Amino acid sequence: MTTWKAVEREIARRLGGRRIPITGRQRGDVPDVEHDWLAVEIKHRKALPDYWHDAYAQAQAANDGSRLSVVIWHEKGRPHRDDYIMMRLGDFEKYFGDDSD
């Protein structure tokens, strides 16, 4: 099994969903993971940008442990409703579901 398929399977398992195989799918017509309330698109990369890690570390450093650490990504000139929110999967699981590992 290729790495990206293994990543999709593991995230589907962790979220309580089921991986949808790419066979028969067209780009954007169904999510990578079938889930009751999430539309999950998974992107696997060899490395993520250092500034992502740095931004999240800054959010965590400002957290006393009682709140959910998030980073909001805003693009100049775009409305804030189009901003992106980033958090760690483990934090998401802790607040919204299973945090088994």
PDB file of N, CA and C in Angstrom:
ATOM      1  N   MET A   1       0.849  -1.182   0.000  1.00  0.00           N
ATOM      2  CA  MET A   1       0.000   0.000   0.000  1.00  0.00           C
ATOM      3  C   MET A   1       0.894   1.245   0.000  1.00  0.00           C
ATOM      4  N   THR A   2       0.532   2.201  -0.821  1.00  0.00           N
ATOM      5  CA  THR A   2       1.332   3.423  -0.871  1.00  0.00           C
ATOM      6  C   THR A   2       1.111   4.252   0.388  1.00  0.00           C
ATOM      7  N   THR A   3       2.070   5.098   0.680  1.00  0.00           N
ATOM      8  CA  THR A   3       2.040   5.896   1.906  1.00  0.00           C
ATOM      9  C   THR A   3       0.791   6.748   2.008  1.00  0.00           C
ATOM     10  N   TRP A   4       0.398   7.445   0.944  1.00  0.00           N
ATOM     11  CA  TRP A   4      -0.760   8.331   1.034  1.00  0.00           C
ATOM     12  C   TRP A   4      -2.040   7.551   1.310  1.00  0.00           C
ATOM     13  N   LYS A   5      -2.138   6.331   0.783  1.00  0.00           N
ATOM     14  CA  LYS A   5      -3.320   5.507   1.081  1.00  0.00           C
ATOM     15  C   LYS A   5      -3.331   5.118   2.554  1.00  0.00           C
ATOM     16  N   ALA A   6      -2.164   4.768   3.100  1.00  0.00           N
ATOM     17  CA  ALA A   6      -2.064   4.411   4.517  1.00  0.00           C
ATOM     18  C   ALA A   6      -2.431   5.608   5.393  1.00  0.00           C
ATOM     19  N   VAL A   7      -1.996   6.804   4.997  1.00  0.00           N
ATOM     20  CA  VAL A   7      -2.325   8.014   5.747  1.00  0.00           C
ATOM     21  C   VAL A   7      -3.837   8.239   5.720  1.00  0.00           C
ATOM     22  N   GLU A   8      -4.455   8.121   4.551  1.00  0.00           N
ATOM     23  CA  GLU A   8      -5.905   8.290   4.452  1.00  0.00           C
ATOM     24  C   GLU A   8      -6.647   7.271   5.306  1.00  0.00           C
ATOM     25  N   ARG A   9      -6.211   6.014   5.282  1.00  0.00           N
ATOM     26  CA  ARG A   9      -6.859   4.974   6.092  1.00  0.00           C
ATOM     27  C   ARG A   9      -6.758   5.286   7.590  1.00  0.00           C
ATOM     28  N   GLU A  10      -5.566   5.691   8.022  1.00  0.00           N
ATOM     29  CA  GLU A  10      -5.348   5.973   9.442  1.00  0.00           C
ATOM     30  C   GLU A  10      -6.176   7.177   9.902  1.00  0.00           C
ATOM     31  N   ILE A  11      -6.229   8.213   9.112  1.00  0.00           N
ATOM     32  CA  ILE A  11      -7.021   9.376   9.503  1.00  0.00           C
ATOM     33  C   ILE A  11      -8.505   9.032   9.505  1.00  0.00           C
ATOM     34  N   ALA A  12      -8.960   8.270   8.522  1.00  0.00           N
ATOM     35  CA  ALA A  12     -10.356   7.826   8.502  1.00  0.00           C
ATOM     36  C   ALA A  12     -10.672   7.038   9.773  1.00  0.00           C
ATOM     37  N   ARG A  13      -9.778   6.128  10.148  1.00  0.00           N
ATOM     38  CA  ARG A  13      -9.982   5.328  11.367  1.00  0.00           C
ATOM     39  C   ARG A  13     -10.059   6.236  12.588  1.00  0.00           C
ATOM     40  N   ARG A  14      -9.132   7.164  12.693  1.00  0.00           N
ATOM     41  CA  ARG A  14      -9.078   8.048  13.866  1.00  0.00           C
ATOM     42  C   ARG A  14     -10.312   8.935  13.976  1.00  0.00           C
ATOM     43  N   LEU A  15     -10.872   9.316  12.838  1.00  0.00           N
ATOM     44  CA  LEU A  15     -12.050  10.181  12.852  1.00  0.00           C
ATOM     45  C   LEU A  15     -13.359   9.401  12.910  1.00  0.00           C
ATOM     46  N   GLY A  16     -13.267   8.076  12.870  1.00  0.00           N
ATOM     47  CA  GLY A  16     -14.480   7.264  12.908  1.00  0.00           C
ATOM     48  C   GLY A  16     -15.203   7.231  11.572  1.00  0.00           C
ATOM     49  N   GLY A  17     -14.435   7.390  10.502  1.00  0.00           N
ATOM     50  CA  GLY A  17     -15.013   7.361   9.165  1.00  0.00           C
ATOM     51  C   GLY A  17     -14.454   6.207   8.364  1.00  0.00           C
ATOM     52  N   ARG A  18     -14.670   6.271   7.051  1.00  0.00           N
ATOM     53  CA  ARG A  18     -14.185   5.228   6.156  1.00  0.00           C
ATOM     54  C   ARG A  18     -13.561   5.887   4.942  1.00  0.00           C
ATOM     55  N   ARG A  19     -12.356   5.419   4.577  1.00  0.00           N
ATOM     56  CA  ARG A  19     -11.665   5.951   3.400  1.00  0.00           C
ATOM     57  C   ARG A  19     -12.438   5.581   2.144  1.00  0.00           C
ATOM     58  N   ILE A  20     -12.610   6.566   1.269  1.00  0.00           N
ATOM     59  CA  ILE A  20     -13.241   6.325  -0.024  1.00  0.00           C
ATOM     60  C   ILE A  20     -12.127   6.132  -1.052  1.00  0.00           C
ATOM     61  N   PRO A  21     -12.052   4.945  -1.668  1.00  0.00           N
ATOM     62  CA  PRO A  21     -10.995   4.720  -2.671  1.00  0.00           C
ATOM     63  C   PRO A  21     -11.122   5.702  -3.825  1.00  0.00           C
ATOM     64  N   ILE A  22      -9.999   6.028  -4.431  1.00  0.00           N
ATOM     65  CA  ILE A  22      -9.990   6.996  -5.526  1.00  0.00           C
ATOM     66  C   ILE A  22     -10.669   6.446  -6.779  1.00  0.00           C
ATOM     67  N   THR A  23     -10.746   5.130  -6.911  1.00  0.00           N
ATOM     68  CA  THR A  23     -11.377   4.512  -8.072  1.00  0.00           C
ATOM     69  C   THR A  23     -12.810   5.001  -8.208  1.00  0.00           C
ATOM     70  N   GLY A  24     -13.134   5.527  -9.339  1.00  0.00           N
ATOM     71  CA  GLY A  24     -14.491   5.983  -9.593  1.00  0.00           C
ATOM     72  C   GLY A  24     -14.785   7.393  -9.111  1.00  0.00           C
ATOM     73  N   ARG A  25     -13.845   8.010  -8.403  1.00  0.00           N
ATOM     74  CA  ARG A  25     -14.048   9.384  -7.928  1.00  0.00           C
ATOM     75  C   ARG A  25     -13.503  10.348  -8.949  1.00  0.00           C
ATOM     76  N   GLN A  26     -14.099  11.504  -8.973  1.00  0.00           N
ATOM     77  CA  GLN A  26     -13.546  12.594  -9.755  1.00  0.00           C
ATOM     78  C   GLN A  26     -13.118  13.657  -8.767  1.00  0.00           C
ATOM     79  N   ARG A  27     -12.149  14.445  -9.146  1.00  0.00           N
ATOM     80  CA  ARG A  27     -11.614  15.474  -8.243  1.00  0.00           C
ATOM     81  C   ARG A  27     -12.741  16.352  -7.696  1.00  0.00           C
ATOM     82  N   GLY A  28     -12.888  16.314  -6.374  1.00  0.00           N
ATOM     83  CA  GLY A  28     -13.831  17.197  -5.703  1.00  0.00           C
ATOM     84  C   GLY A  28     -15.254  16.707  -5.626  1.00  0.00           C
ATOM     85  N   ASP A  29     -15.582  15.536  -6.189  1.00  0.00           N
ATOM     86  CA  ASP A  29     -16.984  15.129  -6.137  1.00  0.00           C
ATOM     87  C   ASP A  29     -17.370  14.416  -4.843  1.00  0.00           C
ATOM     88  N   VAL A  30     -16.421  13.815  -4.150  1.00  0.00           N
ATOM     89  CA  VAL A  30     -16.649  13.223  -2.829  1.00  0.00           C
ATOM     90  C   VAL A  30     -15.383  13.407  -1.997  1.00  0.00           C
ATOM     91  N   PRO A  31     -15.521  13.436  -0.670  1.00  0.00           N
ATOM     92  CA  PRO A  31     -14.334  13.611   0.173  1.00  0.00           C
ATOM     93  C   PRO A  31     -13.478  12.342   0.216  1.00  0.00           C
ATOM     94  N   ASP A  32     -12.275  12.465   0.763  1.00  0.00           N
ATOM     95  CA  ASP A  32     -11.393  11.309   0.927  1.00  0.00           C
ATOM     96  C   ASP A  32     -11.919  10.343   1.981  1.00  0.00           C
ATOM     97  N   VAL A  33     -12.677  10.886   2.945  1.00  0.00           N
ATOM     98  CA  VAL A  33     -13.193  10.081   4.050  1.00  0.00           C
ATOM     99  C   VAL A  33     -14.701  10.262   4.144  1.00  0.00           C
ATOM    100  N   GLU A  34     -15.419   9.156   4.163  1.00  0.00           N
ATOM    101  CA  GLU A  34     -16.861   9.196   4.407  1.00  0.00           C
ATOM    102  C   GLU A  34     -17.062   9.360   5.912  1.00  0.00           C
ATOM    103  N   HIS A  35     -17.810  10.367   6.290  1.00  0.00           N
ATOM    104  CA  HIS A  35     -18.001  10.693   7.699  1.00  0.00           C
ATOM    105  C   HIS A  35     -19.367  11.335   7.879  1.00  0.00           C
ATOM    106  N   ASP A  36     -19.940  11.184   9.075  1.00  0.00           N
ATOM    107  CA  ASP A  36     -21.278  11.725   9.330  1.00  0.00           C
ATOM    108  C   ASP A  36     -21.350  13.239   9.252  1.00  0.00           C
ATOM    109  N   TRP A  37     -20.333  13.956   9.753  1.00  0.00           N
ATOM    110  CA  TRP A  37     -20.441  15.416   9.810  1.00  0.00           C
ATOM    111  C   TRP A  37     -19.225  16.172   9.301  1.00  0.00           C
ATOM    112  N   LEU A  38     -18.216  15.451   8.807  1.00  0.00           N
ATOM    113  CA  LEU A  38     -17.027  16.100   8.261  1.00  0.00           C
ATOM    114  C   LEU A  38     -16.880  15.781   6.769  1.00  0.00           C
ATOM    115  N   ALA A  39     -16.415  16.729   5.993  1.00  0.00           N
ATOM    116  CA  ALA A  39     -16.004  16.508   4.604  1.00  0.00           C
ATOM    117  C   ALA A  39     -14.482  16.609   4.621  1.00  0.00           C
ATOM    118  N   VAL A  40     -13.818  15.474   4.606  1.00  0.00           N
ATOM    119  CA  VAL A  40     -12.377  15.416   4.856  1.00  0.00           C
ATOM    120  C   VAL A  40     -11.595  15.259   3.558  1.00  0.00           C
ATOM    121  N   GLU A  41     -10.712  16.186   3.302  1.00  0.00           N
ATOM    122  CA  GLU A  41      -9.745  16.110   2.204  1.00  0.00           C
ATOM    123  C   GLU A  41      -8.370  16.001   2.855  1.00  0.00           C
ATOM    124  N   ILE A  42      -7.620  14.981   2.503  1.00  0.00           N
ATOM    125  CA  ILE A  42      -6.325  14.724   3.131  1.00  0.00           C
ATOM    126  C   ILE A  42      -5.213  15.000   2.129  1.00  0.00           C
ATOM    127  N   LYS A  43      -4.240  15.759   2.558  1.00  0.00           N
ATOM    128  CA  LYS A  43      -3.055  16.031   1.745  1.00  0.00           C
ATOM    129  C   LYS A  43      -1.838  15.545   2.522  1.00  0.00           C
ATOM    130  N   HIS A  44      -1.076  14.660   1.917  1.00  0.00           N
ATOM    131  CA  HIS A  44       0.128  14.098   2.535  1.00  0.00           C
ATOM    132  C   HIS A  44       1.342  14.684   1.816  1.00  0.00           C
ATOM    133  N   ARG A  45       2.259  15.242   2.571  1.00  0.00           N
ATOM    134  CA  ARG A  45       3.467  15.839   2.009  1.00  0.00           C
ATOM    135  C   ARG A  45       4.695  15.338   2.758  1.00  0.00           C
ATOM    136  N   LYS A  46       5.812  15.324   2.087  1.00  0.00           N
ATOM    137  CA  LYS A  46       7.078  14.924   2.715  1.00  0.00           C
ATOM    138  C   LYS A  46       7.409  15.865   3.866  1.00  0.00           C
ATOM    139  N   ALA A  47       7.159  17.153   3.678  1.00  0.00           N
ATOM    140  CA  ALA A  47       7.410  18.139   4.726  1.00  0.00           C
ATOM    141  C   ALA A  47       6.399  19.271   4.583  1.00  0.00           C
ATOM    142  N   LEU A  48       5.987  19.811   5.710  1.00  0.00           N
ATOM    143  CA  LEU A  48       5.121  20.983   5.720  1.00  0.00           C
ATOM    144  C   LEU A  48       5.991  22.218   5.933  1.00  0.00           C
ATOM    145  N   PRO A  49       5.524  23.374   5.525  1.00  0.00           N
ATOM    146  CA  PRO A  49       6.342  24.582   5.672  1.00  0.00           C
ATOM    147  C   PRO A  49       6.689  24.871   7.138  1.00  0.00           C
ATOM    148  N   ASP A  50       7.924  25.287   7.367  1.00  0.00           N
ATOM    149  CA  ASP A  50       8.363  25.614   8.730  1.00  0.00           C
ATOM    150  C   ASP A  50       7.471  26.670   9.368  1.00  0.00           C
ATOM    151  N   TYR A  51       6.993  27.640   8.573  1.00  0.00           N
ATOM    152  CA  TYR A  51       6.167  28.685   9.155  1.00  0.00           C
ATOM    153  C   TYR A  51       4.850  28.143   9.698  1.00  0.00           C
ATOM    154  N   TRP A  52       4.350  27.002   9.182  1.00  0.00           N
ATOM    155  CA  TRP A  52       3.156  26.368   9.776  1.00  0.00           C
ATOM    156  C   TRP A  52       3.484  25.895  11.196  1.00  0.00           C
ATOM    157  N   HIS A  53       4.611  25.179  11.314  1.00  0.00           N
ATOM    158  CA  HIS A  53       5.030  24.671  12.616  1.00  0.00           C
ATOM    159  C   HIS A  53       5.292  25.825  13.586  1.00  0.00           C
ATOM    160  N   ASP A  54       5.946  26.866  13.099  1.00  0.00           N
ATOM    161  CA  ASP A  54       6.256  28.025  13.940  1.00  0.00           C
ATOM    162  C   ASP A  54       4.982  28.720  14.427  1.00  0.00           C
ATOM    163  N   ALA A  55       4.019  28.893  13.544  1.00  0.00           N
ATOM    164  CA  ALA A  55       2.765  29.554  13.922  1.00  0.00           C
ATOM    165  C   ALA A  55       2.025  28.734  14.975  1.00  0.00           C
ATOM    166  N   TYR A  56       2.006  27.420  14.800  1.00  0.00           N
ATOM    167  CA  TYR A  56       1.311  26.585  15.776  1.00  0.00           C
ATOM    168  C   TYR A  56       2.048  26.582  17.121  1.00  0.00           C
ATOM    169  N   ALA A  57       3.356  26.556  17.079  1.00  0.00           N
ATOM    170  CA  ALA A  57       4.145  26.616  18.325  1.00  0.00           C
ATOM    171  C   ALA A  57       3.847  27.917  19.068  1.00  0.00           C
ATOM    172  N   GLN A  58       3.670  28.998  18.344  1.00  0.00           N
ATOM    173  CA  GLN A  58       3.347  30.283  18.965  1.00  0.00           C
ATOM    174  C   GLN A  58       1.962  30.228  19.618  1.00  0.00           C
ATOM    175  N   ALA A  59       0.992  29.608  18.939  1.00  0.00           N
ATOM    176  CA  ALA A  59      -0.350  29.470  19.521  1.00  0.00           C
ATOM    177  C   ALA A  59      -0.301  28.612  20.786  1.00  0.00           C
ATOM    178  N   GLN A  60       0.490  27.568  20.756  1.00  0.00           N
ATOM    179  CA  GLN A  60       0.611  26.694  21.938  1.00  0.00           C
ATOM    180  C   GLN A  60       1.320  27.398  23.085  1.00  0.00           C
ATOM    181  N   ALA A  61       2.333  28.175  22.778  1.00  0.00           N
ATOM    182  CA  ALA A  61       3.080  28.878  23.818  1.00  0.00           C
ATOM    183  C   ALA A  61       2.186  29.862  24.560  1.00  0.00           C
ATOM    184  N   ALA A  62       1.189  30.393  23.876  1.00  0.00           N
ATOM    185  CA  ALA A  62       0.265  31.353  24.491  1.00  0.00           C
ATOM    186  C   ALA A  62      -0.902  30.666  25.197  1.00  0.00           C
ATOM    187  N   ASN A  63      -0.932  29.345  25.165  1.00  0.00           N
ATOM    188  CA  ASN A  63      -2.041  28.576  25.735  1.00  0.00           C
ATOM    189  C   ASN A  63      -1.651  28.037  27.107  1.00  0.00           C
ATOM    190  N   ASP A  64      -2.515  28.233  28.084  1.00  0.00           N
ATOM    191  CA  ASP A  64      -2.249  27.709  29.421  1.00  0.00           C
ATOM    192  C   ASP A  64      -2.708  26.258  29.566  1.00  0.00           C
ATOM    193  N   GLY A  65      -3.158  25.652  28.491  1.00  0.00           N
ATOM    194  CA  GLY A  65      -3.605  24.260  28.519  1.00  0.00           C
ATOM    195  C   GLY A  65      -5.109  24.104  28.663  1.00  0.00           C
ATOM    196  N   SER A  66      -5.808  25.185  28.879  1.00  0.00           N
ATOM    197  CA  SER A  66      -7.252  25.103  29.080  1.00  0.00           C
ATOM    198  C   SER A  66      -8.050  25.434  27.820  1.00  0.00           C
ATOM    199  N   ARG A  67      -7.335  25.781  26.756  1.00  0.00           N
ATOM    200  CA  ARG A  67      -8.010  26.198  25.528  1.00  0.00           C
ATOM    201  C   ARG A  67      -7.518  25.400  24.330  1.00  0.00           C
ATOM    202  N   LEU A  68      -8.209  25.523  23.234  1.00  0.00           N
ATOM    203  CA  LEU A  68      -7.836  24.863  21.993  1.00  0.00           C
ATOM    204  C   LEU A  68      -6.913  25.794  21.201  1.00  0.00           C
ATOM    205  N   SER A  69      -5.707  25.328  20.895  1.00  0.00           N
ATOM    206  CA  SER A  69      -4.760  26.123  20.116  1.00  0.00           C
ATOM    207  C   SER A  69      -5.098  26.015  18.632  1.00  0.00           C
ATOM    208  N   VAL A  70      -5.255  27.159  17.983  1.00  0.00           N
ATOM    209  CA  VAL A  70      -5.533  27.196  16.545  1.00  0.00           C
ATOM    210  C   VAL A  70      -4.714  28.308  15.906  1.00  0.00           C
ATOM    211  N   VAL A  71      -4.500  28.187  14.619  1.00  0.00           N
ATOM    212  CA  VAL A  71      -3.887  29.236  13.819  1.00  0.00           C
ATOM    213  C   VAL A  71      -4.903  29.598  12.743  1.00  0.00           C
ATOM    214  N   ILE A  72      -5.112  30.887  12.541  1.00  0.00           N
ATOM    215  CA  ILE A  72      -5.997  31.357  11.485  1.00  0.00           C
ATOM    216  C   ILE A  72      -5.128  31.914  10.357  1.00  0.00           C
ATOM    217  N   TRP A  73      -5.330  31.422   9.154  1.00  0.00           N
ATOM    218  CA  TRP A  73      -4.588  31.899   7.987  1.00  0.00           C
ATOM    219  C   TRP A  73      -5.494  32.820   7.191  1.00  0.00           C
ATOM    220  N   HIS A  74      -5.052  34.054   7.025  1.00  0.00           N
ATOM    221  CA  HIS A  74      -5.817  35.063   6.295  1.00  0.00           C
ATOM    222  C   HIS A  74      -5.017  35.541   5.091  1.00  0.00           C
ATOM    223  N   GLU A  75      -5.689  35.650   3.959  1.00  0.00           N
ATOM    224  CA  GLU A  75      -5.060  36.156   2.744  1.00  0.00           C
ATOM    225  C   GLU A  75      -5.511  37.592   2.507  1.00  0.00           C
ATOM    226  N   LYS A  76      -4.542  38.465   2.348  1.00  0.00           N
ATOM    227  CA  LYS A  76      -4.822  39.891   2.138  1.00  0.00           C
ATOM    228  C   LYS A  76      -5.860  40.081   1.028  1.00  0.00           C
ATOM    229  N   GLY A  77      -6.845  40.920   1.347  1.00  0.00           N
ATOM    230  CA  GLY A  77      -7.845  41.262   0.356  1.00  0.00           C
ATOM    231  C   GLY A  77      -9.033  40.312   0.292  1.00  0.00           C
ATOM    232  N   ARG A  78      -8.966  39.223   1.021  1.00  0.00           N
ATOM    233  CA  ARG A  78     -10.082  38.265   1.004  1.00  0.00           C
ATOM    234  C   ARG A  78     -10.938  38.459   2.242  1.00  0.00           C
ATOM    235  N   PRO A  79     -12.227  38.138   2.163  1.00  0.00           N
ATOM    236  CA  PRO A  79     -13.082  38.264   3.339  1.00  0.00           C
ATOM    237  C   PRO A  79     -12.699  37.230   4.398  1.00  0.00           C
ATOM    238  N   HIS A  80     -12.884  37.589   5.654  1.00  0.00           N
ATOM    239  CA  HIS A  80     -12.490  36.691   6.746  1.00  0.00           C
ATOM    240  C   HIS A  80     -13.271  35.378   6.750  1.00  0.00           C
ATOM    241  N   ARG A  81     -14.446  35.347   6.152  1.00  0.00           N
ATOM    242  CA  ARG A  81     -15.188  34.076   6.096  1.00  0.00           C
ATOM    243  C   ARG A  81     -14.420  33.041   5.270  1.00  0.00           C
ATOM    244  N   ASP A  82     -13.460  33.500   4.460  1.00  0.00           N
ATOM    245  CA  ASP A  82     -12.643  32.593   3.652  1.00  0.00           C
ATOM    246  C   ASP A  82     -11.318  32.226   4.315  1.00  0.00           C
ATOM    247  N   ASP A  83     -11.079  32.713   5.540  1.00  0.00           N
ATOM    248  CA  ASP A  83      -9.859  32.357   6.269  1.00  0.00           C
ATOM    249  C   ASP A  83      -9.860  30.864   6.567  1.00  0.00           C
ATOM    250  N   TYR A  84      -8.687  30.340   6.791  1.00  0.00           N
ATOM    251  CA  TYR A  84      -8.526  28.916   7.132  1.00  0.00           C
ATOM    252  C   TYR A  84      -8.135  28.780   8.592  1.00  0.00           C
ATOM    253  N   ILE A  85      -8.637  27.729   9.216  1.00  0.00           N
ATOM    254  CA  ILE A  85      -8.273  27.440  10.600  1.00  0.00           C
ATOM    255  C   ILE A  85      -7.443  26.161  10.609  1.00  0.00           C
ATOM    256  N   MET A  86      -6.346  26.191  11.346  1.00  0.00           N
ATOM    257  CA  MET A  86      -5.455  25.048  11.423  1.00  0.00           C
ATOM    258  C   MET A  86      -5.298  24.643  12.887  1.00  0.00           C
ATOM    259  N   MET A  87      -5.352  23.355  13.122  1.00  0.00           N
ATOM    260  CA  MET A  87      -5.095  22.810  14.456  1.00  0.00           C
ATOM    261  C   MET A  87      -4.499  21.417  14.280  1.00  0.00           C
ATOM    262  N   ARG A  88      -3.908  20.903  15.338  1.00  0.00           N
ATOM    263  CA  ARG A  88      -3.369  19.543  15.276  1.00  0.00           C
ATOM    264  C   ARG A  88      -4.510  18.534  15.367  1.00  0.00           C
ATOM    265  N   LEU A  89      -4.358  17.416  14.667  1.00  0.00           N
ATOM    266  CA  LEU A  89      -5.373  16.367  14.699  1.00  0.00           C
ATOM    267  C   LEU A  89      -5.598  15.879  16.124  1.00  0.00           C
ATOM    268  N   GLY A  90      -4.528  15.727  16.896  1.00  0.00           N
ATOM    269  CA  GLY A  90      -4.668  15.279  18.281  1.00  0.00           C
ATOM    270  C   GLY A  90      -5.505  16.228  19.118  1.00  0.00           C
ATOM    271  N   ASP A  91      -5.350  17.533  18.897  1.00  0.00           N
ATOM    272  CA  ASP A  91      -6.161  18.520  19.611  1.00  0.00           C
ATOM    273  C   ASP A  91      -7.609  18.453  19.163  1.00  0.00           C
ATOM    274  N   PHE A  92      -7.824  18.277  17.873  1.00  0.00           N
ATOM    275  CA  PHE A  92      -9.177  18.128  17.341  1.00  0.00           C
ATOM    276  C   PHE A  92      -9.857  16.925  17.991  1.00  0.00           C
ATOM    277  N   GLU A  93      -9.137  15.800  18.040  1.00  0.00           N
ATOM    278  CA  GLU A  93      -9.686  14.579  18.643  1.00  0.00           C
ATOM    279  C   GLU A  93     -10.003  14.789  20.124  1.00  0.00           C
ATOM    280  N   LYS A  94      -9.135  15.477  20.828  1.00  0.00           N
ATOM    281  CA  LYS A  94      -9.346  15.729  22.257  1.00  0.00           C
ATOM    282  C   LYS A  94     -10.628  16.523  22.494  1.00  0.00           C
ATOM    283  N   TYR A  95     -10.862  17.532  21.663  1.00  0.00           N
ATOM    284  CA  TYR A  95     -12.023  18.405  21.858  1.00  0.00           C
ATOM    285  C   TYR A  95     -13.299  17.882  21.224  1.00  0.00           C
ATOM    286  N   PHE A  96     -13.175  17.136  20.117  1.00  0.00           N
ATOM    287  CA  PHE A  96     -14.357  16.760  19.357  1.00  0.00           C
ATOM    288  C   PHE A  96     -14.579  15.262  19.229  1.00  0.00           C
ATOM    289  N   GLY A  97     -13.733  14.448  19.824  1.00  0.00           N
ATOM    290  CA  GLY A  97     -13.913  13.009  19.648  1.00  0.00           C
ATOM    291  C   GLY A  97     -12.919  12.206  20.437  1.00  0.00           C
ATOM    292  N   ASP A  98     -12.447  11.154  19.828  1.00  0.00           N
ATOM    293  CA  ASP A  98     -11.557  10.187  20.462  1.00  0.00           C
ATOM    294  C   ASP A  98     -10.115  10.693  20.459  1.00  0.00           C
ATOM    295  N   ASP A  99      -9.471  10.624  21.621  1.00  0.00           N
ATOM    296  CA  ASP A  99      -8.035  10.966  21.690  1.00  0.00           C
ATOM    297  C   ASP A  99      -7.255   9.768  22.197  1.00  0.00           C
ATOM    298  N   SER A 100      -7.453   8.628  21.517  1.00  0.00           N
ATOM    299  CA  SER A 100      -6.929   7.361  22.006  1.00  0.00           C
ATOM    300  C   SER A 100      -5.416   7.211  21.942  1.00  0.00           C
ATOM    301  N   ASP A 101      -4.720   8.054  21.171  1.00  0.00           N
ATOM    302  CA  ASP A 101      -3.254   7.880  21.189  1.00  0.00           C
ATOM    303  C   ASP A 101      -2.523   9.156  21.204  1.00  0.00           C
TER     304      ASP A 101
END
